[in-house]
Amino acid sequence: RNNDERGRSARLVARKLDELRKHEGKLSNWVNLEHGGKL
């Protein structure tokens, strides 16, 4: 909820993780990343 760079970064990370969750599956398991790694 911060109106600064840290708040922007936190919201961006949340959106990216949500996209991974929707397309790759549960984040409690290893999900594939575009560069070949896992998260």
Full PDB file with SEQRES, HELIX, SHEET, SSBOND, CRYST1, ORIGX, SCALE, CONECT and MASTER records, all heavy atoms in Angstrom:
SEQRES   1 A   39  ARG ASN ASN ASP GLU ARG GLY ARG SER ALA ARG LEU VAL          
SEQRES   2 A   39  ALA ARG LYS LEU ASP GLU LEU ARG LYS HIS GLU GLY LYS          
SEQRES   3 A   39  LEU SER ASN TRP VAL ASN LEU GLU HIS GLY GLY LYS LEU          
HELIX    1 AA1 GLU A    5  GLU A   24  1                                  20    
CRYST1    1.000    1.000    1.000  90.00  90.00  90.00 P 1           1          
ORIGX1      1.000000  0.000000  0.000000        0.00000                         
ORIGX2      0.000000  1.000000  0.000000        0.00000                         
ORIGX3      0.000000  0.000000  1.000000        0.00000                         
SCALE1      1.000000  0.000000  0.000000        0.00000                         
SCALE2      0.000000  1.000000  0.000000        0.00000                         
SCALE3      0.000000  0.000000  1.000000        0.00000                         
ATOM      1  N   ARG A   1       0.814  -1.222   0.000  1.00  0.00           N  
ATOM      2  CA  ARG A   1       0.000   0.000   0.000  1.00  0.00           C  
ATOM      3  C   ARG A   1       0.843   1.264   0.000  1.00  0.00           C  
ATOM      4  O   ARG A   1       0.297   2.365  -0.049  1.00  0.00           O  
ATOM      5  CB  ARG A   1      -0.960   0.001   1.201  1.00  0.00           C  
ATOM      6  CG  ARG A   1      -2.044  -1.074   1.116  1.00  0.00           C  
ATOM      7  CD  ARG A   1      -2.995  -0.991   2.307  1.00  0.00           C  
ATOM      8  NE  ARG A   1      -4.077  -1.949   2.179  1.00  0.00           N  
ATOM      9  CZ  ARG A   1      -3.996  -3.202   2.555  1.00  0.00           C  
ATOM     10  NH1 ARG A   1      -2.847  -3.659   3.100  1.00  0.00           N  
ATOM     11  NH2 ARG A   1      -5.022  -4.026   2.420  1.00  0.00           N  
ATOM     12  N   ASN A   2       2.148   1.127   0.048  1.00  0.00           N  
ATOM     13  CA  ASN A   2       3.024   2.304   0.051  1.00  0.00           C  
ATOM     14  C   ASN A   2       2.995   3.009  -1.302  1.00  0.00           C  
ATOM     15  O   ASN A   2       3.023   2.365  -2.352  1.00  0.00           O  
ATOM     16  CB  ASN A   2       4.467   1.906   0.373  1.00  0.00           C  
ATOM     17  CG  ASN A   2       4.660   1.501   1.818  1.00  0.00           C  
ATOM     18  OD1 ASN A   2       3.700   1.250   2.546  1.00  0.00           O  
ATOM     19  ND2 ASN A   2       5.912   1.437   2.244  1.00  0.00           N  
ATOM     20  N   ASN A   3       2.936   4.310  -1.258  1.00  0.00           N  
ATOM     21  CA  ASN A   3       2.929   5.099  -2.497  1.00  0.00           C  
ATOM     22  C   ASN A   3       4.343   5.526  -2.853  1.00  0.00           C  
ATOM     23  O   ASN A   3       4.624   6.689  -3.094  1.00  0.00           O  
ATOM     24  CB  ASN A   3       2.023   6.322  -2.336  1.00  0.00           C  
ATOM     25  CG  ASN A   3       1.740   7.015  -3.650  1.00  0.00           C  
ATOM     26  OD1 ASN A   3       1.776   6.399  -4.714  1.00  0.00           O  
ATOM     27  ND2 ASN A   3       1.491   8.302  -3.576  1.00  0.00           N  
ATOM     28  N   ASP A   4       5.258   4.572  -2.904  1.00  0.00           N  
ATOM     29  CA  ASP A   4       6.642   4.856  -3.253  1.00  0.00           C  
ATOM     30  C   ASP A   4       7.198   3.704  -4.075  1.00  0.00           C  
ATOM     31  O   ASP A   4       6.451   2.816  -4.503  1.00  0.00           O  
ATOM     32  CB  ASP A   4       7.502   5.092  -1.997  1.00  0.00           C  
ATOM     33  CG  ASP A   4       7.447   3.926  -1.000  1.00  0.00           C  
ATOM     34  OD1 ASP A   4       6.978   2.818  -1.373  1.00  0.00           O  
ATOM     35  OD2 ASP A   4       7.891   4.102   0.160  1.00  0.00           O  
ATOM     36  N   GLU A   5       8.512   3.718  -4.311  1.00  0.00           N  
ATOM     37  CA  GLU A   5       9.123   2.694  -5.152  1.00  0.00           C  
ATOM     38  C   GLU A   5       9.006   1.309  -4.530  1.00  0.00           C  
ATOM     39  O   GLU A   5       8.816   0.321  -5.232  1.00  0.00           O  
ATOM     40  CB  GLU A   5      10.590   3.036  -5.404  1.00  0.00           C  
ATOM     41  CG  GLU A   5      11.263   2.195  -6.489  1.00  0.00           C  
ATOM     42  CD  GLU A   5      10.703   2.461  -7.864  1.00  0.00           C  
ATOM     43  OE1 GLU A   5      10.060   3.518  -8.050  1.00  0.00           O  
ATOM     44  OE2 GLU A   5      10.902   1.622  -8.752  1.00  0.00           O  
ATOM     45  N   ARG A   6       9.124   1.227  -3.203  1.00  0.00           N  
ATOM     46  CA  ARG A   6       8.995  -0.076  -2.553  1.00  0.00           C  
ATOM     47  C   ARG A   6       7.587  -0.635  -2.715  1.00  0.00           C  
ATOM     48  O   ARG A   6       7.421  -1.844  -2.924  1.00  0.00           O  
ATOM     49  CB  ARG A   6       9.369   0.031  -1.075  1.00  0.00           C  
ATOM     50  CG  ARG A   6      10.843   0.322  -0.833  1.00  0.00           C  
ATOM     51  CD  ARG A   6      11.206   0.270   0.626  1.00  0.00           C  
ATOM     52  NE  ARG A   6      10.453   1.245   1.414  1.00  0.00           N  
ATOM     53  CZ  ARG A   6      10.574   1.378   2.724  1.00  0.00           C  
ATOM     54  NH1 ARG A   6      11.419   0.610   3.400  1.00  0.00           N  
ATOM     55  NH2 ARG A   6       9.869   2.293   3.371  1.00  0.00           N  
ATOM     56  N   GLY A   7       6.591   0.233  -2.616  1.00  0.00           N  
ATOM     57  CA  GLY A   7       5.221  -0.200  -2.826  1.00  0.00           C  
ATOM     58  C   GLY A   7       4.993  -0.675  -4.251  1.00  0.00           C  
ATOM     59  O   GLY A   7       4.325  -1.690  -4.487  1.00  0.00           O  
ATOM     60  N   ARG A   8       5.561   0.028  -5.208  1.00  0.00           N  
ATOM     61  CA  ARG A   8       5.433  -0.365  -6.607  1.00  0.00           C  
ATOM     62  C   ARG A   8       6.080  -1.720  -6.839  1.00  0.00           C  
ATOM     63  O   ARG A   8       5.523  -2.581  -7.503  1.00  0.00           O  
ATOM     64  CB  ARG A   8       6.091   0.687  -7.498  1.00  0.00           C  
ATOM     65  CG  ARG A   8       5.889   0.430  -8.989  1.00  0.00           C  
ATOM     66  CD  ARG A   8       6.895   1.196  -9.814  1.00  0.00           C  
ATOM     67  NE  ARG A   8       8.221   0.622  -9.690  1.00  0.00           N  
ATOM     68  CZ  ARG A   8       8.701  -0.368 -10.446  1.00  0.00           C  
ATOM     69  NH1 ARG A   8       7.953  -0.911 -11.377  1.00  0.00           N  
ATOM     70  NH2 ARG A   8       9.920  -0.809 -10.262  1.00  0.00           N  
ATOM     71  N   SER A   9       7.268  -1.911  -6.276  1.00  0.00           N  
ATOM     72  CA  SER A   9       7.968  -3.186  -6.435  1.00  0.00           C  
ATOM     73  C   SER A   9       7.174  -4.335  -5.818  1.00  0.00           C  
ATOM     74  O   SER A   9       7.066  -5.415  -6.406  1.00  0.00           O  
ATOM     75  CB  SER A   9       9.356  -3.108  -5.802  1.00  0.00           C  
ATOM     76  OG  SER A   9      10.172  -2.159  -6.457  1.00  0.00           O  
ATOM     77  N   ALA A  10       6.620  -4.097  -4.621  1.00  0.00           N  
ATOM     78  CA  ALA A  10       5.840  -5.139  -3.945  1.00  0.00           C  
ATOM     79  C   ALA A  10       4.628  -5.539  -4.772  1.00  0.00           C  
ATOM     80  O   ALA A  10       4.307  -6.726  -4.895  1.00  0.00           O  
ATOM     81  CB  ALA A  10       5.415  -4.657  -2.561  1.00  0.00           C  
ATOM     82  N   ARG A  11       3.946  -4.569  -5.347  1.00  0.00           N  
ATOM     83  CA  ARG A  11       2.763  -4.867  -6.164  1.00  0.00           C  
ATOM     84  C   ARG A  11       3.138  -5.581  -7.454  1.00  0.00           C  
ATOM     85  O   ARG A  11       2.433  -6.494  -7.900  1.00  0.00           O  
ATOM     86  CB  ARG A  11       2.002  -3.567  -6.454  1.00  0.00           C  
ATOM     87  CG  ARG A  11       1.368  -2.936  -5.227  1.00  0.00           C  
ATOM     88  CD  ARG A  11       0.481  -1.766  -5.595  1.00  0.00           C  
ATOM     89  NE  ARG A  11       1.220  -0.633  -6.141  1.00  0.00           N  
ATOM     90  CZ  ARG A  11       1.746   0.348  -5.398  1.00  0.00           C  
ATOM     91  NH1 ARG A  11       1.635   0.309  -4.074  1.00  0.00           N  
ATOM     92  NH2 ARG A  11       2.387   1.359  -5.960  1.00  0.00           N  
ATOM     93  N   LEU A  12       4.258  -5.183  -8.057  1.00  0.00           N  
ATOM     94  CA  LEU A  12       4.705  -5.834  -9.288  1.00  0.00           C  
ATOM     95  C   LEU A  12       5.058  -7.293  -9.040  1.00  0.00           C  
ATOM     96  O   LEU A  12       4.700  -8.179  -9.824  1.00  0.00           O  
ATOM     97  CB  LEU A  12       5.907  -5.086  -9.862  1.00  0.00           C  
ATOM     98  CG  LEU A  12       6.538  -5.676 -11.137  1.00  0.00           C  
ATOM     99  CD1 LEU A  12       5.512  -5.767 -12.259  1.00  0.00           C  
ATOM    100  CD2 LEU A  12       7.744  -4.840 -11.589  1.00  0.00           C  
ATOM    101  N   VAL A  13       5.758  -7.564  -7.940  1.00  0.00           N  
ATOM    102  CA  VAL A  13       6.107  -8.948  -7.607  1.00  0.00           C  
ATOM    103  C   VAL A  13       4.855  -9.781  -7.389  1.00  0.00           C  
ATOM    104  O   VAL A  13       4.765 -10.920  -7.850  1.00  0.00           O  
ATOM    105  CB  VAL A  13       7.010  -8.984  -6.355  1.00  0.00           C  
ATOM    106  CG1 VAL A  13       7.203 -10.424  -5.880  1.00  0.00           C  
ATOM    107  CG2 VAL A  13       8.360  -8.361  -6.668  1.00  0.00           C  
ATOM    108  N   ALA A  14       3.880  -9.209  -6.707  1.00  0.00           N  
ATOM    109  CA  ALA A  14       2.625  -9.924  -6.456  1.00  0.00           C  
ATOM    110  C   ALA A  14       1.941 -10.303  -7.770  1.00  0.00           C  
ATOM    111  O   ALA A  14       1.438 -11.423  -7.926  1.00  0.00           O  
ATOM    112  CB  ALA A  14       1.702  -9.078  -5.589  1.00  0.00           C  
ATOM    113  N   ARG A  15       1.933  -9.373  -8.735  1.00  0.00           N  
ATOM    114  CA  ARG A  15       1.302  -9.653 -10.029  1.00  0.00           C  
ATOM    115  C   ARG A  15       2.062 -10.741 -10.782  1.00  0.00           C  
ATOM    116  O   ARG A  15       1.456 -11.634 -11.383  1.00  0.00           O  
ATOM    117  CB  ARG A  15       1.226  -8.372 -10.867  1.00  0.00           C  
ATOM    118  CG  ARG A  15       0.225  -7.352 -10.368  1.00  0.00           C  
ATOM    119  CD  ARG A  15      -0.046  -6.290 -11.410  1.00  0.00           C  
ATOM    120  NE  ARG A  15       1.126  -5.493 -11.717  1.00  0.00           N  
ATOM    121  CZ  ARG A  15       1.473  -4.379 -11.070  1.00  0.00           C  
ATOM    122  NH1 ARG A  15       0.705  -3.933 -10.083  1.00  0.00           N  
ATOM    123  NH2 ARG A  15       2.545  -3.699 -11.419  1.00  0.00           N  
ATOM    124  N   LYS A  16       3.392 -10.675 -10.751  1.00  0.00           N  
ATOM    125  CA  LYS A  16       4.198 -11.674 -11.447  1.00  0.00           C  
ATOM    126  C   LYS A  16       4.002 -13.070 -10.836  1.00  0.00           C  
ATOM    127  O   LYS A  16       3.887 -14.071 -11.557  1.00  0.00           O  
ATOM    128  CB  LYS A  16       5.677 -11.281 -11.402  1.00  0.00           C  
ATOM    129  CG  LYS A  16       6.028 -10.046 -12.228  1.00  0.00           C  
ATOM    130  CD  LYS A  16       5.808 -10.300 -13.711  1.00  0.00           C  
ATOM    131  CE  LYS A  16       6.209  -9.087 -14.544  1.00  0.00           C  
ATOM    132  NZ  LYS A  16       5.972  -9.334 -16.005  1.00  0.00           N  
ATOM    133  N   LEU A  17       3.955 -13.141  -9.518  1.00  0.00           N  
ATOM    134  CA  LEU A  17       3.735 -14.431  -8.858  1.00  0.00           C  
ATOM    135  C   LEU A  17       2.344 -14.972  -9.145  1.00  0.00           C  
ATOM    136  O   LEU A  17       2.155 -16.181  -9.316  1.00  0.00           O  
ATOM    137  CB  LEU A  17       3.959 -14.291  -7.351  1.00  0.00           C  
ATOM    138  CG  LEU A  17       5.408 -14.041  -6.896  1.00  0.00           C  
ATOM    139  CD1 LEU A  17       5.453 -13.818  -5.395  1.00  0.00           C  
ATOM    140  CD2 LEU A  17       6.310 -15.207  -7.293  1.00  0.00           C  
ATOM    141  N   ASP A  18       1.380 -14.075  -9.200  1.00  0.00           N  
ATOM    142  CA  ASP A  18       0.013 -14.510  -9.510  1.00  0.00           C  
ATOM    143  C   ASP A  18      -0.079 -15.064 -10.932  1.00  0.00           C  
ATOM    144  O   ASP A  18      -0.778 -16.048 -11.182  1.00  0.00           O  
ATOM    145  CB  ASP A  18      -0.961 -13.345  -9.326  1.00  0.00           C  
ATOM    146  CG  ASP A  18      -2.427 -13.785  -9.356  1.00  0.00           C  
ATOM    147  OD1 ASP A  18      -2.769 -14.750  -8.645  1.00  0.00           O  
ATOM    148  OD2 ASP A  18      -3.210 -13.170 -10.094  1.00  0.00           O  
ATOM    149  N   GLU A  19       0.639 -14.431 -11.876  1.00  0.00           N  
ATOM    150  CA  GLU A  19       0.668 -14.947 -13.246  1.00  0.00           C  
ATOM    151  C   GLU A  19       1.296 -16.337 -13.299  1.00  0.00           C  
ATOM    152  O   GLU A  19       0.799 -17.227 -14.001  1.00  0.00           O  
ATOM    153  CB  GLU A  19       1.452 -13.982 -14.137  1.00  0.00           C  
ATOM    154  CG  GLU A  19       0.753 -12.660 -14.398  1.00  0.00           C  
ATOM    155  CD  GLU A  19       1.624 -11.695 -15.183  1.00  0.00           C  
ATOM    156  OE1 GLU A  19       2.720 -12.123 -15.635  1.00  0.00           O  
ATOM    157  OE2 GLU A  19       1.231 -10.516 -15.338  1.00  0.00           O  
ATOM    158  N   LEU A  20       2.398 -16.529 -12.559  1.00  0.00           N  
ATOM    159  CA  LEU A  20       3.025 -17.848 -12.516  1.00  0.00           C  
ATOM    160  C   LEU A  20       2.082 -18.883 -11.919  1.00  0.00           C  
ATOM    161  O   LEU A  20       2.005 -20.019 -12.386  1.00  0.00           O  
ATOM    162  CB  LEU A  20       4.311 -17.785 -11.686  1.00  0.00           C  
ATOM    163  CG  LEU A  20       5.537 -17.143 -12.340  1.00  0.00           C  
ATOM    164  CD1 LEU A  20       6.672 -17.029 -11.330  1.00  0.00           C  
ATOM    165  CD2 LEU A  20       5.994 -17.965 -13.552  1.00  0.00           C  
ATOM    166  N   ARG A  21       1.369 -18.488 -10.874  1.00  0.00           N  
ATOM    167  CA  ARG A  21       0.432 -19.403 -10.224  1.00  0.00           C  
ATOM    168  C   ARG A  21      -0.672 -19.849 -11.176  1.00  0.00           C  
ATOM    169  O   ARG A  21      -1.051 -21.015 -11.222  1.00  0.00           O  
ATOM    170  CB  ARG A  21      -0.166 -18.727  -8.994  1.00  0.00           C  
ATOM    171  CG  ARG A  21      -1.135 -19.572  -8.197  1.00  0.00           C  
ATOM    172  CD  ARG A  21      -1.775 -18.756  -7.085  1.00  0.00           C  
ATOM    173  NE  ARG A  21      -2.520 -17.620  -7.601  1.00  0.00           N  
ATOM    174  CZ  ARG A  21      -3.760 -17.717  -8.100  1.00  0.00           C  
ATOM    175  NH1 ARG A  21      -4.372 -18.896  -8.155  1.00  0.00           N  
ATOM    176  NH2 ARG A  21      -4.380 -16.633  -8.539  1.00  0.00           N  
ATOM    177  N   LYS A  22      -1.172 -18.902 -11.982  1.00  0.00           N  
ATOM    178  CA  LYS A  22      -2.263 -19.203 -12.910  1.00  0.00           C  
ATOM    179  C   LYS A  22      -1.809 -20.084 -14.068  1.00  0.00           C  
ATOM    180  O   LYS A  22      -2.546 -20.971 -14.507  1.00  0.00           O  
ATOM    181  CB  LYS A  22      -2.855 -17.905 -13.451  1.00  0.00           C  
ATOM    182  CG  LYS A  22      -3.643 -17.097 -12.420  1.00  0.00           C  
ATOM    183  CD  LYS A  22      -4.154 -15.807 -13.036  1.00  0.00           C  
ATOM    184  CE  LYS A  22      -4.963 -15.001 -12.016  1.00  0.00           C  
ATOM    185  NZ  LYS A  22      -5.420 -13.697 -12.588  1.00  0.00           N  
ATOM    186  N   HIS A  23      -0.600 -19.846 -14.571  1.00  0.00           N  
ATOM    187  CA  HIS A  23      -0.154 -20.534 -15.778  1.00  0.00           C  
ATOM    188  C   HIS A  23       0.702 -21.770 -15.511  1.00  0.00           C  
ATOM    189  O   HIS A  23       0.763 -22.677 -16.342  1.00  0.00           O  
ATOM    190  CB  HIS A  23       0.627 -19.565 -16.676  1.00  0.00           C  
ATOM    191  CG  HIS A  23      -0.204 -18.430 -17.203  1.00  0.00           C  
ATOM    192  ND1 HIS A  23      -0.155 -17.177 -16.663  1.00  0.00           N  
ATOM    193  CD2 HIS A  23      -1.096 -18.377 -18.232  1.00  0.00           C  
ATOM    194  CE1 HIS A  23      -0.994 -16.378 -17.330  1.00  0.00           C  
ATOM    195  NE2 HIS A  23      -1.577 -17.087 -18.284  1.00  0.00           N  
ATOM    196  N   GLU A  24       1.395 -21.818 -14.380  1.00  0.00           N  
ATOM    197  CA  GLU A  24       2.332 -22.911 -14.136  1.00  0.00           C  
ATOM    198  C   GLU A  24       1.926 -23.830 -12.989  1.00  0.00           C  
ATOM    199  O   GLU A  24       2.491 -24.911 -12.834  1.00  0.00           O  
ATOM    200  CB  GLU A  24       3.733 -22.339 -13.854  1.00  0.00           C  
ATOM    201  CG  GLU A  24       4.317 -21.518 -14.996  1.00  0.00           C  
ATOM    202  CD  GLU A  24       4.589 -22.339 -16.233  1.00  0.00           C  
ATOM    203  OE1 GLU A  24       4.769 -23.585 -16.100  1.00  0.00           O  
ATOM    204  OE2 GLU A  24       4.622 -21.763 -17.343  1.00  0.00           O  
ATOM    205  N   GLY A  25       0.976 -23.397 -12.165  1.00  0.00           N  
ATOM    206  CA  GLY A  25       0.520 -24.249 -11.077  1.00  0.00           C  
ATOM    207  C   GLY A  25       0.856 -23.692  -9.705  1.00  0.00           C  
ATOM    208  O   GLY A  25       1.282 -22.546  -9.560  1.00  0.00           O  
ATOM    209  N   LYS A  26       0.649 -24.492  -8.671  1.00  0.00           N  
ATOM    210  CA  LYS A  26       0.841 -24.063  -7.293  1.00  0.00           C  
ATOM    211  C   LYS A  26       2.288 -23.670  -7.023  1.00  0.00           C  
ATOM    212  O   LYS A  26       3.219 -24.393  -7.379  1.00  0.00           O  
ATOM    213  CB  LYS A  26       0.417 -25.173  -6.332  1.00  0.00           C  
ATOM    214  CG  LYS A  26      -1.078 -25.506  -6.374  1.00  0.00           C  
ATOM    215  CD  LYS A  26      -1.409 -26.587  -5.379  1.00  0.00           C  
ATOM    216  CE  LYS A  26      -2.911 -26.904  -5.405  1.00  0.00           C  
ATOM    217  NZ  LYS A  26      -3.236 -27.986  -4.419  1.00  0.00           N  
ATOM    218  N   LEU A  27       2.461 -22.523  -6.335  1.00  0.00           N  
ATOM    219  CA  LEU A  27       3.798 -22.031  -6.028  1.00  0.00           C  
ATOM    220  C   LEU A  27       4.441 -22.789  -4.872  1.00  0.00           C  
ATOM    221  O   LEU A  27       5.627 -22.618  -4.598  1.00  0.00           O  
ATOM    222  CB  LEU A  27       3.760 -20.531  -5.706  1.00  0.00           C  
ATOM    223  CG  LEU A  27       3.278 -19.609  -6.828  1.00  0.00           C  
ATOM    224  CD1 LEU A  27       3.283 -18.156  -6.382  1.00  0.00           C  
ATOM    225  CD2 LEU A  27       4.137 -19.770  -8.076  1.00  0.00           C  
ATOM    226  N   SER A  28       3.645 -23.629  -4.193  1.00  0.00           N  
ATOM    227  CA  SER A  28       4.219 -24.476  -3.153  1.00  0.00           C  
ATOM    228  C   SER A  28       5.040 -25.607  -3.758  1.00  0.00           C  
ATOM    229  O   SER A  28       5.809 -26.261  -3.054  1.00  0.00           O  
ATOM    230  CB  SER A  28       3.109 -25.047  -2.261  1.00  0.00           C  
ATOM    231  OG  SER A  28       2.144 -25.756  -3.040  1.00  0.00           O  
ATOM    232  N   ASN A  29       4.861 -25.833  -5.057  1.00  0.00           N  
ATOM    233  CA  ASN A  29       5.691 -26.770  -5.816  1.00  0.00           C  
ATOM    234  C   ASN A  29       6.574 -25.976  -6.778  1.00  0.00           C  
ATOM    235  O   ASN A  29       6.360 -24.782  -7.001  1.00  0.00           O  
ATOM    236  CB  ASN A  29       4.815 -27.751  -6.602  1.00  0.00           C  
ATOM    237  CG  ASN A  29       3.899 -28.557  -5.700  1.00  0.00           C  
ATOM    238  OD1 ASN A  29       4.296 -29.030  -4.638  1.00  0.00           O  
ATOM    239  ND2 ASN A  29       2.629 -28.708  -6.102  1.00  0.00           N  
ATOM    240  N   TRP A  30       7.555 -26.624  -7.349  1.00  0.00           N  
ATOM    241  CA  TRP A  30       8.421 -25.960  -8.312  1.00  0.00           C  
ATOM    242  C   TRP A  30       7.644 -25.624  -9.577  1.00  0.00           C  
ATOM    243  O   TRP A  30       6.986 -26.476 -10.141  1.00  0.00           O  
ATOM    244  CB  TRP A  30       9.620 -26.834  -8.680  1.00  0.00           C  
ATOM    245  CG  TRP A  30      10.608 -27.027  -7.564  1.00  0.00           C  
ATOM    246  CD1 TRP A  30      10.821 -28.173  -6.849  1.00  0.00           C  
ATOM    247  CD2 TRP A  30      11.504 -26.054  -7.040  1.00  0.00           C  
ATOM    248  NE1 TRP A  30      11.796 -27.980  -5.908  1.00  0.00           N  
ATOM    249  CE2 TRP A  30      12.243 -26.665  -6.011  1.00  0.00           C  
ATOM    250  CE3 TRP A  30      11.768 -24.713  -7.331  1.00  0.00           C  
ATOM    251  CZ2 TRP A  30      13.207 -26.013  -5.265  1.00  0.00           C  
ATOM    252  CZ3 TRP A  30      12.741 -24.059  -6.593  1.00  0.00           C  
ATOM    253  CH2 TRP A  30      13.442 -24.695  -5.583  1.00  0.00           C  
ATOM    254  N   VAL A  31       7.689 -24.361  -9.993  1.00  0.00           N  
ATOM    255  CA  VAL A  31       7.056 -23.945 -11.248  1.00  0.00           C  
ATOM    256  C   VAL A  31       8.148 -23.501 -12.216  1.00  0.00           C  
ATOM    257  O   VAL A  31       9.202 -23.016 -11.802  1.00  0.00           O  
ATOM    258  CB  VAL A  31       6.036 -22.812 -11.031  1.00  0.00           C  
ATOM    259  CG1 VAL A  31       4.894 -23.281 -10.133  1.00  0.00           C  
ATOM    260  CG2 VAL A  31       6.696 -21.567 -10.447  1.00  0.00           C  
ATOM    261  N   ASN A  32       7.894 -23.688 -13.489  1.00  0.00           N  
ATOM    262  CA  ASN A  32       8.884 -23.390 -14.516  1.00  0.00           C  
ATOM    263  C   ASN A  32       8.930 -21.893 -14.836  1.00  0.00           C  
ATOM    264  O   ASN A  32       7.893 -21.219 -14.893  1.00  0.00           O  
ATOM    265  CB  ASN A  32       8.581 -24.169 -15.802  1.00  0.00           C  
ATOM    266  CG  ASN A  32       8.713 -25.674 -15.610  1.00  0.00           C  
ATOM    267  OD1 ASN A  32       9.644 -26.155 -14.952  1.00  0.00           O  
ATOM    268  ND2 ASN A  32       7.769 -26.435 -16.177  1.00  0.00           N  
ATOM    269  N   LEU A  33      10.141 -21.383 -15.053  1.00  0.00           N  
ATOM    270  CA  LEU A  33      10.355 -20.014 -15.492  1.00  0.00           C  
ATOM    271  C   LEU A  33      10.781 -20.004 -16.951  1.00  0.00           C  
ATOM    272  O   LEU A  33      11.275 -21.003 -17.474  1.00  0.00           O  
ATOM    273  CB  LEU A  33      11.423 -19.333 -14.628  1.00  0.00           C  
ATOM    274  CG  LEU A  33      11.133 -19.270 -13.120  1.00  0.00           C  
ATOM    275  CD1 LEU A  33      12.319 -18.677 -12.380  1.00  0.00           C  
ATOM    276  CD2 LEU A  33       9.871 -18.475 -12.850  1.00  0.00           C  
ATOM    277  N   GLU A  34      10.620 -18.853 -17.608  1.00  0.00           N  
ATOM    278  CA  GLU A  34      10.891 -18.761 -19.043  1.00  0.00           C  
ATOM    279  C   GLU A  34      12.342 -19.067 -19.386  1.00  0.00           C  
ATOM    280  O   GLU A  34      12.629 -19.624 -20.444  1.00  0.00           O  
ATOM    281  CB  GLU A  34      10.536 -17.365 -19.562  1.00  0.00           C  
ATOM    282  CG  GLU A  34       9.036 -17.090 -19.595  1.00  0.00           C  
ATOM    283  CD  GLU A  34       8.741 -15.729 -20.182  1.00  0.00           C  
ATOM    284  OE1 GLU A  34       9.706 -15.055 -20.617  1.00  0.00           O  
ATOM    285  OE2 GLU A  34       7.567 -15.334 -20.221  1.00  0.00           O  
ATOM    286  N   HIS A  35      13.275 -18.718 -18.517  1.00  0.00           N  
ATOM    287  CA  HIS A  35      14.690 -18.906 -18.813  1.00  0.00           C  
ATOM    288  C   HIS A  35      15.178 -20.327 -18.547  1.00  0.00           C  
ATOM    289  O   HIS A  35      16.352 -20.618 -18.666  1.00  0.00           O  
ATOM    290  CB  HIS A  35      15.555 -17.917 -18.041  1.00  0.00           C  
ATOM    291  CG  HIS A  35      15.341 -17.935 -16.544  1.00  0.00           C  
ATOM    292  ND1 HIS A  35      15.576 -19.038 -15.765  1.00  0.00           N  
ATOM    293  CD2 HIS A  35      14.909 -16.971 -15.712  1.00  0.00           C  
ATOM    294  CE1 HIS A  35      15.302 -18.756 -14.505  1.00  0.00           C  
ATOM    295  NE2 HIS A  35      14.898 -17.510 -14.436  1.00  0.00           N  
ATOM    296  N   GLY A  36      14.274 -21.196 -18.160  1.00  0.00           N  
ATOM    297  CA  GLY A  36      14.645 -22.581 -17.913  1.00  0.00           C  
ATOM    298  C   GLY A  36      14.831 -22.935 -16.461  1.00  0.00           C  
ATOM    299  O   GLY A  36      15.005 -24.110 -16.117  1.00  0.00           O  
ATOM    300  N   GLY A  37      14.786 -21.955 -15.584  1.00  0.00           N  
ATOM    301  CA  GLY A  37      14.907 -22.222 -14.167  1.00  0.00           C  
ATOM    302  C   GLY A  37      13.566 -22.574 -13.543  1.00  0.00           C  
ATOM    303  O   GLY A  37      12.544 -22.734 -14.219  1.00  0.00           O  
ATOM    304  N   LYS A  38      13.547 -22.671 -12.215  1.00  0.00           N  
ATOM    305  CA  LYS A  38      12.337 -22.987 -11.471  1.00  0.00           C  
ATOM    306  C   LYS A  38      12.204 -22.055 -10.275  1.00  0.00           C  
ATOM    307  O   LYS A  38      13.194 -21.514  -9.777  1.00  0.00           O  
ATOM    308  CB  LYS A  38      12.345 -24.452 -11.018  1.00  0.00           C  
ATOM    309  CG  LYS A  38      12.317 -25.466 -12.153  1.00  0.00           C  
ATOM    310  CD  LYS A  38      12.336 -26.887 -11.621  1.00  0.00           C  
ATOM    311  CE  LYS A  38      12.297 -27.918 -12.754  1.00  0.00           C  
ATOM    312  NZ  LYS A  38      11.001 -27.879 -13.478  1.00  0.00           N  
ATOM    313  N   LEU A  39      10.980 -21.909  -9.805  1.00  0.00           N  
ATOM    314  CA  LEU A  39      10.716 -21.038  -8.662  1.00  0.00           C  
ATOM    315  C   LEU A  39       9.745 -21.716  -7.714  1.00  0.00           C  
ATOM    316  O   LEU A  39       8.854 -22.465  -8.133  1.00  0.00           O  
ATOM    317  CB  LEU A  39      10.153 -19.680  -9.115  1.00  0.00           C  
ATOM    318  CG  LEU A  39       9.840 -18.664  -8.013  1.00  0.00           C  
ATOM    319  CD1 LEU A  39      10.250 -17.257  -8.438  1.00  0.00           C  
ATOM    320  CD2 LEU A  39       8.355 -18.651  -7.640  1.00  0.00           C  
TER     321      LEU A  39                                                      
MASTER        0    0    0    1    0    0    0    6  320    1    0    3          
END                                                                             
